[in-house]
């Protein structure tokens, strides 16, 4: 769920090298990223990042499903989605999986 507007420090955005027009708030749903990101938390995504640059937490669309996951890009381009909640095992995506990067998550109640 995209949120239209919330007050947020432009100073913090500058420190994190995020342009205000690229910063978008969304609501996280589910417990797979707990304790890092709680169910219902508001997270801030840098939508200028549209490809996996390095290991980090990203907002993704995977085969039509929206997810917020820690992403690891392995040798040969293999992509593994990792939940911070140990109840959810890592998921290595098949080459046929349609993956769209919506942006990199950089704040969820604090800098990530």
PDB file of N, CA and C in Angstrom:
ATOM      1  N   UNK A   1       0.858  -1.175   0.000  1.00  0.00           N
ATOM      2  CA  UNK A   1       0.000   0.000   0.000  1.00  0.00           C
ATOM      3  C   UNK A   1       0.899   1.232   0.000  1.00  0.00           C
ATOM      4  N   UNK A   2       0.769   2.059  -1.012  1.00  0.00           N
ATOM      5  CA  UNK A   2       1.575   3.273  -1.125  1.00  0.00           C
ATOM      6  C   UNK A   2       0.890   4.387  -0.361  1.00  0.00           C
ATOM      7  N   UNK A   3       1.664   5.139   0.396  1.00  0.00           N
ATOM      8  CA  UNK A   3       1.168   6.257   1.181  1.00  0.00           C
ATOM      9  C   UNK A   3       1.538   7.532   0.432  1.00  0.00           C
ATOM     10  N   UNK A   4       0.584   8.456   0.304  1.00  0.00           N
ATOM     11  CA  UNK A   4       0.841   9.670  -0.466  1.00  0.00           C
ATOM     12  C   UNK A   4       1.906  10.559   0.159  1.00  0.00           C
ATOM     13  N   UNK A   5       1.697  10.981   1.403  1.00  0.00           N
ATOM     14  CA  UNK A   5       2.636  11.924   2.017  1.00  0.00           C
ATOM     15  C   UNK A   5       2.746  11.699   3.525  1.00  0.00           C
ATOM     16  N   UNK A   6       3.960  11.829   4.016  1.00  0.00           N
ATOM     17  CA  UNK A   6       4.251  11.848   5.447  1.00  0.00           C
ATOM     18  C   UNK A   6       5.426  12.788   5.649  1.00  0.00           C
ATOM     19  N   UNK A   7       5.459  13.497   6.756  1.00  0.00           N
ATOM     20  CA  UNK A   7       6.627  14.358   6.995  1.00  0.00           C
ATOM     21  C   UNK A   7       7.862  13.499   7.261  1.00  0.00           C
ATOM     22  N   UNK A   8       8.985  13.898   6.663  1.00  0.00           N
ATOM     23  CA  UNK A   8      10.228  13.159   6.841  1.00  0.00           C
ATOM     24  C   UNK A   8      11.379  14.130   6.650  1.00  0.00           C
ATOM     25  N   UNK A   9      12.440  13.912   7.369  1.00  0.00           N
ATOM     26  CA  UNK A   9      13.585  14.809   7.364  1.00  0.00           C
ATOM     27  C   UNK A   9      14.327  14.784   6.016  1.00  0.00           C
ATOM     28  N   UNK A  10      14.366  15.943   5.364  1.00  0.00           N
ATOM     29  CA  UNK A  10      15.143  16.056   4.124  1.00  0.00           C
ATOM     30  C   UNK A  10      16.636  15.911   4.418  1.00  0.00           C
ATOM     31  N   UNK A  11      17.042  16.331   5.615  1.00  0.00           N
ATOM     32  CA  UNK A  11      18.447  16.201   6.014  1.00  0.00           C
ATOM     33  C   UNK A  11      18.852  14.734   6.036  1.00  0.00           C
ATOM     34  N   UNK A  12      18.002  13.890   6.605  1.00  0.00           N
ATOM     35  CA  UNK A  12      18.292  12.455   6.635  1.00  0.00           C
ATOM     36  C   UNK A  12      18.332  11.883   5.226  1.00  0.00           C
ATOM     37  N   UNK A  13      17.406  12.296   4.378  1.00  0.00           N
ATOM     38  CA  UNK A  13      17.418  11.827   2.988  1.00  0.00           C
ATOM     39  C   UNK A  13      18.737  12.200   2.311  1.00  0.00           C
ATOM     40  N   UNK A  14      19.172  13.436   2.487  1.00  0.00           N
ATOM     41  CA  UNK A  14      20.444  13.867   1.884  1.00  0.00           C
ATOM     42  C   UNK A  14      21.611  13.049   2.411  1.00  0.00           C
ATOM     43  N   UNK A  15      21.616  12.802   3.726  1.00  0.00           N
ATOM     44  CA  UNK A  15      22.704  11.999   4.328  1.00  0.00           C
ATOM     45  C   UNK A  15      22.751  10.603   3.734  1.00  0.00           C
ATOM     46  N   UNK A  16      21.590  10.098   3.338  1.00  0.00           N
ATOM     47  CA  UNK A  16      21.515   8.741   2.786  1.00  0.00           C
ATOM     48  C   UNK A  16      21.580   8.743   1.264  1.00  0.00           C
ATOM     49  N   UNK A  17      21.816   9.918   0.670  1.00  0.00           N
ATOM     50  CA  UNK A  17      21.912  10.073  -0.787  1.00  0.00           C
ATOM     51  C   UNK A  17      20.635   9.660  -1.506  1.00  0.00           C
ATOM     52  N   UNK A  18      19.495   9.983  -0.900  1.00  0.00           N
ATOM     53  CA  UNK A  18      18.192   9.690  -1.504  1.00  0.00           C
ATOM     54  C   UNK A  18      17.532  11.015  -1.854  1.00  0.00           C
ATOM     55  N   UNK A  19      17.156  11.165  -3.106  1.00  0.00           N
ATOM     56  CA  UNK A  19      16.457  12.373  -3.532  1.00  0.00           C
ATOM     57  C   UNK A  19      15.001  12.294  -3.074  1.00  0.00           C
ATOM     58  N   UNK A  20      14.442  13.381  -2.555  1.00  0.00           N
ATOM     59  CA  UNK A  20      13.067  13.347  -2.040  1.00  0.00           C
ATOM     60  C   UNK A  20      12.047  12.798  -3.034  1.00  0.00           C
ATOM     61  N   UNK A  21      12.196  13.113  -4.301  1.00  0.00           N
ATOM     62  CA  UNK A  21      11.226  12.621  -5.295  1.00  0.00           C
ATOM     63  C   UNK A  21      11.319  11.115  -5.538  1.00  0.00           C
ATOM     64  N   UNK A  22      12.408  10.484  -5.072  1.00  0.00           N
ATOM     65  CA  UNK A  22      12.573   9.033  -5.221  1.00  0.00           C
ATOM     66  C   UNK A  22      12.204   8.260  -3.965  1.00  0.00           C
ATOM     67  N   UNK A  23      11.894   8.977  -2.887  1.00  0.00           N
ATOM     68  CA  UNK A  23      11.572   8.341  -1.612  1.00  0.00           C
ATOM     69  C   UNK A  23      10.062   8.117  -1.520  1.00  0.00           C
ATOM     70  N   UNK A  24       9.670   6.860  -1.346  1.00  0.00           N
ATOM     71  CA  UNK A  24       8.254   6.507  -1.254  1.00  0.00           C
ATOM     72  C   UNK A  24       8.006   5.655  -0.025  1.00  0.00           C
ATOM     73  N   UNK A  25       6.978   6.004   0.729  1.00  0.00           N
ATOM     74  CA  UNK A  25       6.564   5.225   1.889  1.00  0.00           C
ATOM     75  C   UNK A  25       5.608   4.131   1.450  1.00  0.00           C
ATOM     76  N   UNK A  26       5.755   2.944   2.040  1.00  0.00           N
ATOM     77  CA  UNK A  26       4.789   1.861   1.843  1.00  0.00           C
ATOM     78  C   UNK A  26       4.563   1.168   3.185  1.00  0.00           C
ATOM     79  N   UNK A  27       3.428   0.489   3.311  1.00  0.00           N
ATOM     80  CA  UNK A  27       3.136  -0.314   4.500  1.00  0.00           C
ATOM     81  C   UNK A  27       3.645  -1.733   4.274  1.00  0.00           C
ATOM     82  N   UNK A  28       4.378  -2.252   5.225  1.00  0.00           N
ATOM     83  CA  UNK A  28       4.804  -3.649   5.183  1.00  0.00           C
ATOM     84  C   UNK A  28       3.666  -4.514   5.736  1.00  0.00           C
ATOM     85  N   UNK A  29       3.463  -5.665   5.157  1.00  0.00           N
ATOM     86  CA  UNK A  29       2.441  -6.598   5.625  1.00  0.00           C
ATOM     87  C   UNK A  29       3.075  -7.964   5.869  1.00  0.00           C
ATOM     88  N   UNK A  30       2.747  -8.562   6.983  1.00  0.00           N
ATOM     89  CA  UNK A  30       3.254  -9.887   7.313  1.00  0.00           C
ATOM     90  C   UNK A  30       4.418  -9.827   8.277  1.00  0.00           C
ATOM     91  N   UNK A  31       4.790 -11.007   8.786  1.00  0.00           N
ATOM     92  CA  UNK A  31       5.834 -11.076   9.817  1.00  0.00           C
ATOM     93  C   UNK A  31       7.146 -11.666   9.317  1.00  0.00           C
ATOM     94  N   UNK A  32       7.289 -11.856   8.006  1.00  0.00           N
ATOM     95  CA  UNK A  32       8.479 -12.539   7.503  1.00  0.00           C
ATOM     96  C   UNK A  32       9.770 -11.746   7.702  1.00  0.00           C
ATOM     97  N   UNK A  33       9.685 -10.426   7.853  1.00  0.00           N
ATOM     98  CA  UNK A  33      10.899  -9.624   8.034  1.00  0.00           C
ATOM     99  C   UNK A  33      11.102  -9.184   9.479  1.00  0.00           C
ATOM    100  N   UNK A  34      10.300  -9.719  10.407  1.00  0.00           N
ATOM    101  CA  UNK A  34      10.495  -9.398  11.822  1.00  0.00           C
ATOM    102  C   UNK A  34      11.759 -10.064  12.327  1.00  0.00           C
ATOM    103  N   UNK A  35      12.529  -9.445  13.173  1.00  0.00           N
ATOM    104  CA  UNK A  35      12.257  -8.223  13.923  1.00  0.00           C
ATOM    105  C   UNK A  35      12.677  -6.942  13.204  1.00  0.00           C
ATOM    106  N   UNK A  36      13.320  -7.020  12.047  1.00  0.00           N
ATOM    107  CA  UNK A  36      13.807  -5.821  11.364  1.00  0.00           C
ATOM    108  C   UNK A  36      12.664  -4.917  10.930  1.00  0.00           C
ATOM    109  N   UNK A  37      11.648  -5.520  10.307  1.00  0.00           N
ATOM    110  CA  UNK A  37      10.477  -4.770   9.839  1.00  0.00           C
ATOM    111  C   UNK A  37       9.246  -5.470  10.383  1.00  0.00           C
ATOM    112  N   UNK A  38       8.494  -4.776  11.204  1.00  0.00           N
ATOM    113  CA  UNK A  38       7.294  -5.329  11.841  1.00  0.00           C
ATOM    114  C   UNK A  38       6.095  -5.285  10.903  1.00  0.00           C
ATOM    115  N   UNK A  39       5.153  -6.195  11.113  1.00  0.00           N
ATOM    116  CA  UNK A  39       3.902  -6.208  10.373  1.00  0.00           C
ATOM    117  C   UNK A  39       3.211  -4.853  10.542  1.00  0.00           C
ATOM    118  N   UNK A  40       2.840  -4.220   9.453  1.00  0.00           N
ATOM    119  CA  UNK A  40       2.173  -2.934   9.493  1.00  0.00           C
ATOM    120  C   UNK A  40       3.095  -1.733   9.556  1.00  0.00           C
ATOM    121  N   UNK A  41       4.397  -1.972   9.624  1.00  0.00           N
ATOM    122  CA  UNK A  41       5.351  -0.867   9.699  1.00  0.00           C
ATOM    123  C   UNK A  41       5.336  -0.050   8.411  1.00  0.00           C
ATOM    124  N   UNK A  42       5.654   1.215   8.551  1.00  0.00           N
ATOM    125  CA  UNK A  42       5.848   2.060   7.386  1.00  0.00           C
ATOM    126  C   UNK A  42       7.326   2.010   7.038  1.00  0.00           C
ATOM    127  N   UNK A  43       7.625   1.697   5.788  1.00  0.00           N
ATOM    128  CA  UNK A  43       9.014   1.639   5.335  1.00  0.00           C
ATOM    129  C   UNK A  43       9.210   2.672   4.229  1.00  0.00           C
ATOM    130  N   UNK A  44      10.432   3.112   4.091  1.00  0.00           N
ATOM    131  CA  UNK A  44      10.782   4.090   3.070  1.00  0.00           C
ATOM    132  C   UNK A  44      11.652   3.407   2.027  1.00  0.00           C
ATOM    133  N   UNK A  45      11.246   3.560   0.769  1.00  0.00           N
ATOM    134  CA  UNK A  45      11.901   2.891  -0.351  1.00  0.00           C
ATOM    135  C   UNK A  45      12.491   3.932  -1.291  1.00  0.00           C
ATOM    136  N   UNK A  46      13.728   3.706  -1.724  1.00  0.00           N
ATOM    137  CA  UNK A  46      14.356   4.545  -2.745  1.00  0.00           C
ATOM    138  C   UNK A  46      14.023   3.936  -4.097  1.00  0.00           C
ATOM    139  N   UNK A  47      13.045   4.533  -4.783  1.00  0.00           N
ATOM    140  CA  UNK A  47      12.563   3.984  -6.053  1.00  0.00           C
ATOM    141  C   UNK A  47      13.503   4.240  -7.220  1.00  0.00           C
ATOM    142  N   UNK A  48      14.593   4.974  -6.993  1.00  0.00           N
ATOM    143  CA  UNK A  48      15.558   5.163  -8.080  1.00  0.00           C
ATOM    144  C   UNK A  48      16.412   3.919  -8.283  1.00  0.00           C
ATOM    145  N   UNK A  49      16.408   3.030  -7.311  1.00  0.00           N
ATOM    146  CA  UNK A  49      17.191   1.797  -7.414  1.00  0.00           C
ATOM    147  C   UNK A  49      16.279   0.715  -7.971  1.00  0.00           C
ATOM    148  N   UNK A  50      16.477   0.374  -9.235  1.00  0.00           N
ATOM    149  CA  UNK A  50      15.599  -0.561  -9.947  1.00  0.00           C
ATOM    150  C   UNK A  50      16.282  -1.879 -10.290  1.00  0.00           C
ATOM    151  N   UNK A  51      17.480  -2.058  -9.774  1.00  0.00           N
ATOM    152  CA  UNK A  51      18.153  -3.354  -9.943  1.00  0.00           C
ATOM    153  C   UNK A  51      18.890  -3.674  -8.650  1.00  0.00           C
ATOM    154  N   UNK A  52      19.158  -4.941  -8.449  1.00  0.00           N
ATOM    155  CA  UNK A  52      19.846  -5.373  -7.239  1.00  0.00           C
ATOM    156  C   UNK A  52      21.314  -5.002  -7.388  1.00  0.00           C
ATOM    157  N   UNK A  53      21.737  -4.039  -6.577  1.00  0.00           N
ATOM    158  CA  UNK A  53      23.121  -3.557  -6.635  1.00  0.00           C
ATOM    159  C   UNK A  53      24.018  -4.345  -5.707  1.00  0.00           C
ATOM    160  N   UNK A  54      23.480  -4.674  -4.542  1.00  0.00           N
ATOM    161  CA  UNK A  54      24.248  -5.394  -3.536  1.00  0.00           C
ATOM    162  C   UNK A  54      23.260  -6.051  -2.589  1.00  0.00           C
ATOM    163  N   UNK A  55      23.763  -6.837  -1.665  1.00  0.00           N
ATOM    164  CA  UNK A  55      22.879  -7.451  -0.686  1.00  0.00           C
ATOM    165  C   UNK A  55      22.202  -6.334   0.106  1.00  0.00           C
ATOM    166  N   UNK A  56      20.913  -6.467   0.325  1.00  0.00           N
ATOM    167  CA  UNK A  56      20.165  -5.461   1.056  1.00  0.00           C
ATOM    168  C   UNK A  56      18.701  -5.848   1.078  1.00  0.00           C
ATOM    169  N   UNK A  57      17.863  -4.963   1.603  1.00  0.00           N
ATOM    170  CA  UNK A  57      16.427  -5.209   1.660  1.00  0.00           C
ATOM    171  C   UNK A  57      15.776  -4.407   0.539  1.00  0.00           C
ATOM    172  N   UNK A  58      14.962  -5.093  -0.242  1.00  0.00           N
ATOM    173  CA  UNK A  58      14.341  -4.482  -1.409  1.00  0.00           C
ATOM    174  C   UNK A  58      12.830  -4.704  -1.392  1.00  0.00           C
ATOM    175  N   UNK A  59      12.109  -3.771  -2.011  1.00  0.00           N
ATOM    176  CA  UNK A  59      10.693  -3.961  -2.320  1.00  0.00           C
ATOM    177  C   UNK A  59      10.661  -4.560  -3.724  1.00  0.00           C
ATOM    178  N   UNK A  60       9.994  -5.697  -3.848  1.00  0.00           N
ATOM    179  CA  UNK A  60      10.023  -6.463  -5.095  1.00  0.00           C
ATOM    180  C   UNK A  60       8.622  -6.883  -5.515  1.00  0.00           C
ATOM    181  N   UNK A  61       8.474  -7.145  -6.798  1.00  0.00           N
ATOM    182  CA  UNK A  61       7.295  -7.842  -7.298  1.00  0.00           C
ATOM    183  C   UNK A  61       7.829  -9.142  -7.899  1.00  0.00           C
ATOM    184  N   UNK A  62       7.408 -10.259  -7.319  1.00  0.00           N
ATOM    185  CA  UNK A  62       7.876 -11.582  -7.738  1.00  0.00           C
ATOM    186  C   UNK A  62       6.680 -12.346  -8.276  1.00  0.00           C
ATOM    187  N   UNK A  63       6.684 -12.599  -9.574  1.00  0.00           N
ATOM    188  CA  UNK A  63       5.561 -13.283 -10.226  1.00  0.00           C
ATOM    189  C   UNK A  63       4.222 -12.659  -9.822  1.00  0.00           C
ATOM    190  N   UNK A  64       4.187 -11.326  -9.749  1.00  0.00           N
ATOM    191  CA  UNK A  64       2.951 -10.610  -9.440  1.00  0.00           C
ATOM    192  C   UNK A  64       2.681 -10.370  -7.967  1.00  0.00           C
ATOM    193  N   UNK A  65       3.468 -10.976  -7.074  1.00  0.00           N
ATOM    194  CA  UNK A  65       3.290 -10.791  -5.624  1.00  0.00           C
ATOM    195  C   UNK A  65       4.287  -9.745  -5.110  1.00  0.00           C
ATOM    196  N   UNK A  66       3.788  -8.772  -4.336  1.00  0.00           N
ATOM    197  CA  UNK A  66       4.654  -7.750  -3.752  1.00  0.00           C
ATOM    198  C   UNK A  66       5.298  -8.318  -2.494  1.00  0.00           C
ATOM    199  N   UNK A  67       6.604  -8.119  -2.373  1.00  0.00           N
ATOM    200  CA  UNK A  67       7.347  -8.619  -1.209  1.00  0.00           C
ATOM    201  C   UNK A  67       8.403  -7.606  -0.789  1.00  0.00           C
ATOM    202  N   UNK A  68       8.696  -7.622   0.490  1.00  0.00           N
ATOM    203  CA  UNK A  68       9.859  -6.904   1.019  1.00  0.00           C
ATOM    204  C   UNK A  68      10.756  -7.992   1.586  1.00  0.00           C
ATOM    205  N   UNK A  69      11.948  -8.128   1.012  1.00  0.00           N
ATOM    206  CA  UNK A  69      12.860  -9.206   1.398  1.00  0.00           C
ATOM    207  C   UNK A  69      14.298  -8.729   1.361  1.00  0.00           C
ATOM    208  N   UNK A  70      15.101  -9.397   2.146  1.00  0.00           N
ATOM    209  CA  UNK A  70      16.549  -9.252   2.054  1.00  0.00           C
ATOM    210  C   UNK A  70      16.946 -10.059   0.816  1.00  0.00           C
ATOM    211  N   UNK A  71      17.769  -9.477  -0.034  1.00  0.00           N
ATOM    212  CA  UNK A  71      18.106 -10.126  -1.302  1.00  0.00           C
ATOM    213  C   UNK A  71      19.605 -10.377  -1.360  1.00  0.00           C
ATOM    214  N   UNK A  72      19.943 -11.580  -1.784  1.00  0.00           N
ATOM    215  CA  UNK A  72      21.344 -11.934  -2.002  1.00  0.00           C
ATOM    216  C   UNK A  72      21.483 -12.371  -3.453  1.00  0.00           C
ATOM    217  N   UNK A  73      22.406 -11.727  -4.151  1.00  0.00           N
ATOM    218  CA  UNK A  73      22.675 -12.097  -5.536  1.00  0.00           C
ATOM    219  C   UNK A  73      23.956 -12.917  -5.555  1.00  0.00           C
ATOM    220  N   UNK A  74      23.826 -14.154  -5.979  1.00  0.00           N
ATOM    221  CA  UNK A  74      24.946 -15.072  -5.934  1.00  0.00           C
ATOM    222  C   UNK A  74      25.710 -15.171  -7.234  1.00  0.00           C
ATOM    223  N   UNK A  75      26.624 -16.095  -7.250  1.00  0.00           N
ATOM    224  CA  UNK A  75      27.446 -16.352  -8.433  1.00  0.00           C
ATOM    225  C   UNK A  75      26.531 -16.788  -9.575  1.00  0.00           C
ATOM    226  N   UNK A  76      26.773 -16.250 -10.736  1.00  0.00           N
ATOM    227  CA  UNK A  76      25.970 -16.607 -11.901  1.00  0.00           C
ATOM    228  C   UNK A  76      24.626 -15.898 -11.943  1.00  0.00           C
ATOM    229  N   UNK A  77      24.410 -14.944 -11.020  1.00  0.00           N
ATOM    230  CA  UNK A  77      23.180 -14.167 -11.036  1.00  0.00           C
ATOM    231  C   UNK A  77      22.019 -14.775 -10.282  1.00  0.00           C
ATOM    232  N   UNK A  78      22.237 -15.906  -9.600  1.00  0.00           N
ATOM    233  CA  UNK A  78      21.153 -16.512  -8.820  1.00  0.00           C
ATOM    234  C   UNK A  78      20.697 -15.535  -7.738  1.00  0.00           C
ATOM    235  N   UNK A  79      19.386 -15.408  -7.573  1.00  0.00           N
ATOM    236  CA  UNK A  79      18.822 -14.480  -6.598  1.00  0.00           C
ATOM    237  C   UNK A  79      18.136 -15.273  -5.495  1.00  0.00           C
ATOM    238  N   UNK A  80      18.520 -14.986  -4.246  1.00  0.00           N
ATOM    239  CA  UNK A  80      17.911 -15.636  -3.092  1.00  0.00           C
ATOM    240  C   UNK A  80      17.210 -14.583  -2.255  1.00  0.00           C
ATOM    241  N   UNK A  81      15.930 -14.843  -1.932  1.00  0.00           N
ATOM    242  CA  UNK A  81      15.153 -13.971  -1.060  1.00  0.00           C
ATOM    243  C   UNK A  81      15.245 -14.525   0.351  1.00  0.00           C
ATOM    244  N   UNK A  82      15.598 -13.669   1.296  1.00  0.00           N
ATOM    245  CA  UNK A  82      15.830 -14.101   2.670  1.00  0.00           C
ATOM    246  C   UNK A  82      14.917 -13.313   3.602  1.00  0.00           C
ATOM    247  N   UNK A  83      14.192 -14.037   4.436  1.00  0.00           N
ATOM    248  CA  UNK A  83      13.358 -13.422   5.470  1.00  0.00           C
ATOM    249  C   UNK A  83      14.177 -13.317   6.740  1.00  0.00           C
ATOM    250  N   UNK A  84      14.005 -12.237   7.495  1.00  0.00           N
ATOM    251  CA  UNK A  84      14.718 -12.105   8.761  1.00  0.00           C
ATOM    252  C   UNK A  84      14.103 -12.987   9.842  1.00  0.00           C
ATOM    253  N   UNK A  85      12.845 -13.353   9.684  1.00  0.00           N
ATOM    254  CA  UNK A  85      12.164 -14.252  10.607  1.00  0.00           C
ATOM    255  C   UNK A  85      12.578 -15.683  10.254  1.00  0.00           C
ATOM    256  N   UNK A  86      13.213 -16.378  11.185  1.00  0.00           N
ATOM    257  CA  UNK A  86      13.755 -17.718  10.921  1.00  0.00           C
ATOM    258  C   UNK A  86      12.679 -18.766  10.614  1.00  0.00           C
ATOM    259  N   UNK A  87      11.409 -18.432  10.841  1.00  0.00           N
ATOM    260  CA  UNK A  87      10.338 -19.376  10.499  1.00  0.00           C
ATOM    261  C   UNK A  87      10.156 -19.522   8.992  1.00  0.00           C
ATOM    262  N   UNK A  88      10.743 -18.613   8.227  1.00  0.00           N
ATOM    263  CA  UNK A  88      10.610 -18.639   6.770  1.00  0.00           C
ATOM    264  C   UNK A  88      11.958 -18.969   6.141  1.00  0.00           C
ATOM    265  N   UNK A  89      12.052 -20.081   5.399  1.00  0.00           N
ATOM    266  CA  UNK A  89      13.340 -20.456   4.800  1.00  0.00           C
ATOM    267  C   UNK A  89      13.689 -19.555   3.611  1.00  0.00           C
ATOM    268  N   UNK A  90      14.983 -19.439   3.299  1.00  0.00           N
ATOM    269  CA  UNK A  90      15.390 -18.685   2.106  1.00  0.00           C
ATOM    270  C   UNK A  90      14.780 -19.311   0.854  1.00  0.00           C
ATOM    271  N   UNK A  91      14.554 -18.473  -0.138  1.00  0.00           N
ATOM    272  CA  UNK A  91      13.936 -18.926  -1.389  1.00  0.00           C
ATOM    273  C   UNK A  91      14.820 -18.490  -2.553  1.00  0.00           C
ATOM    274  N   UNK A  92      15.405 -19.461  -3.261  1.00  0.00           N
ATOM    275  CA  UNK A  92      16.196 -19.155  -4.447  1.00  0.00           C
ATOM    276  C   UNK A  92      15.261 -19.170  -5.642  1.00  0.00           C
ATOM    277  N   UNK A  93      15.261 -18.070  -6.376  1.00  0.00           N
ATOM    278  CA  UNK A  93      14.334 -17.928  -7.488  1.00  0.00           C
ATOM    279  C   UNK A  93      14.810 -18.706  -8.711  1.00  0.00           C
ATOM    280  N   UNK A  94      13.864 -19.312  -9.395  1.00  0.00           N
ATOM    281  CA  UNK A  94      14.157 -20.009 -10.646  1.00  0.00           C
ATOM    282  C   UNK A  94      14.424 -18.973 -11.731  1.00  0.00           C
ATOM    283  N   UNK A  95      15.161 -19.368 -12.749  1.00  0.00           N
ATOM    284  CA  UNK A  95      15.466 -18.445 -13.847  1.00  0.00           C
ATOM    285  C   UNK A  95      14.209 -17.942 -14.536  1.00  0.00           C
ATOM    286  N   UNK A  96      13.129 -18.710 -14.490  1.00  0.00           N
ATOM    287  CA  UNK A  96      11.891 -18.322 -15.163  1.00  0.00           C
ATOM    288  C   UNK A  96      11.046 -17.348 -14.331  1.00  0.00           C
ATOM    289  N   UNK A  97      11.453 -17.083 -13.100  1.00  0.00           N
ATOM    290  CA  UNK A  97      10.703 -16.192 -12.220  1.00  0.00           C
ATOM    291  C   UNK A  97      10.776 -14.758 -12.727  1.00  0.00           C
ATOM    292  N   UNK A  98       9.618 -14.110 -12.776  1.00  0.00           N
ATOM    293  CA  UNK A  98       9.576 -12.707 -13.180  1.00  0.00           C
ATOM    294  C   UNK A  98       9.801 -11.858 -11.928  1.00  0.00           C
ATOM    295  N   UNK A  99      10.904 -11.124 -11.916  1.00  0.00           N
ATOM    296  CA  UNK A  99      11.309 -10.315 -10.770  1.00  0.00           C
ATOM    297  C   UNK A  99      11.422  -8.859 -11.195  1.00  0.00           C
ATOM    298  N   UNK A 100      10.704  -7.991 -10.487  1.00  0.00           N
ATOM    299  CA  UNK A 100      10.785  -6.552 -10.739  1.00  0.00           C
ATOM    300  C   UNK A 100      11.184  -5.870  -9.439  1.00  0.00           C
ATOM    301  N   UNK A 101      12.254  -5.104  -9.475  1.00  0.00           N
ATOM    302  CA  UNK A 101      12.720  -4.372  -8.301  1.00  0.00           C
ATOM    303  C   UNK A 101      11.999  -3.027  -8.269  1.00  0.00           C
ATOM    304  N   UNK A 102      11.247  -2.787  -7.198  1.00  0.00           N
ATOM    305  CA  UNK A 102      10.531  -1.522  -7.033  1.00  0.00           C
ATOM    306  C   UNK A 102      11.392  -0.474  -6.342  1.00  0.00           C
ATOM    307  N   UNK A 103      12.415  -0.919  -5.601  1.00  0.00           N
ATOM    308  CA  UNK A 103      13.319   0.001  -4.928  1.00  0.00           C
ATOM    309  C   UNK A 103      13.984  -0.660  -3.747  1.00  0.00           C
ATOM    310  N   UNK A 104      14.952   0.037  -3.196  1.00  0.00           N
ATOM    311  CA  UNK A 104      15.683  -0.467  -2.034  1.00  0.00           C
ATOM    312  C   UNK A 104      15.114   0.163  -0.768  1.00  0.00           C
ATOM    313  N   UNK A 105      14.818  -0.680   0.215  1.00  0.00           N
ATOM    314  CA  UNK A 105      14.325  -0.203   1.501  1.00  0.00           C
ATOM    315  C   UNK A 105      15.513   0.322   2.293  1.00  0.00           C
ATOM    316  N   UNK A 106      15.401   1.550   2.787  1.00  0.00           N
ATOM    317  CA  UNK A 106      16.519   2.112   3.549  1.00  0.00           C
ATOM    318  C   UNK A 106      16.083   2.632   4.916  1.00  0.00           C
ATOM    319  N   UNK A 107      14.795   2.593   5.214  1.00  0.00           N
ATOM    320  CA  UNK A 107      14.312   3.068   6.523  1.00  0.00           C
ATOM    321  C   UNK A 107      13.043   2.328   6.885  1.00  0.00           C
ATOM    322  N   UNK A 108      12.956   1.875   8.131  1.00  0.00           N
ATOM    323  CA  UNK A 108      11.745   1.232   8.667  1.00  0.00           C
ATOM    324  C   UNK A 108      11.694   1.552  10.164  1.00  0.00           C
ATOM    325  N   UNK A 109      11.332   2.765  10.474  1.00  0.00           N
ATOM    326  CA  UNK A 109      11.352   3.224  11.858  1.00  0.00           C
ATOM    327  C   UNK A 109      12.751   3.590  12.307  1.00  0.00           C
ATOM    328  N   UNK A 110      13.706   3.413  11.419  1.00  0.00           N
ATOM    329  CA  UNK A 110      15.104   3.718  11.649  1.00  0.00           C
ATOM    330  C   UNK A 110      15.874   3.327  10.397  1.00  0.00           C
ATOM    331  N   UNK A 111      17.081   3.803  10.276  1.00  0.00           N
ATOM    332  CA  UNK A 111      17.895   3.512   9.102  1.00  0.00           C
ATOM    333  C   UNK A 111      18.233   2.028   9.074  1.00  0.00           C
ATOM    334  N   UNK A 112      18.100   1.421   7.903  1.00  0.00           N
ATOM    335  CA  UNK A 112      18.427  -0.008   7.732  1.00  0.00           C
ATOM    336  C   UNK A 112      19.786  -0.095   7.043  1.00  0.00           C
TER     337      UNK A 112
END
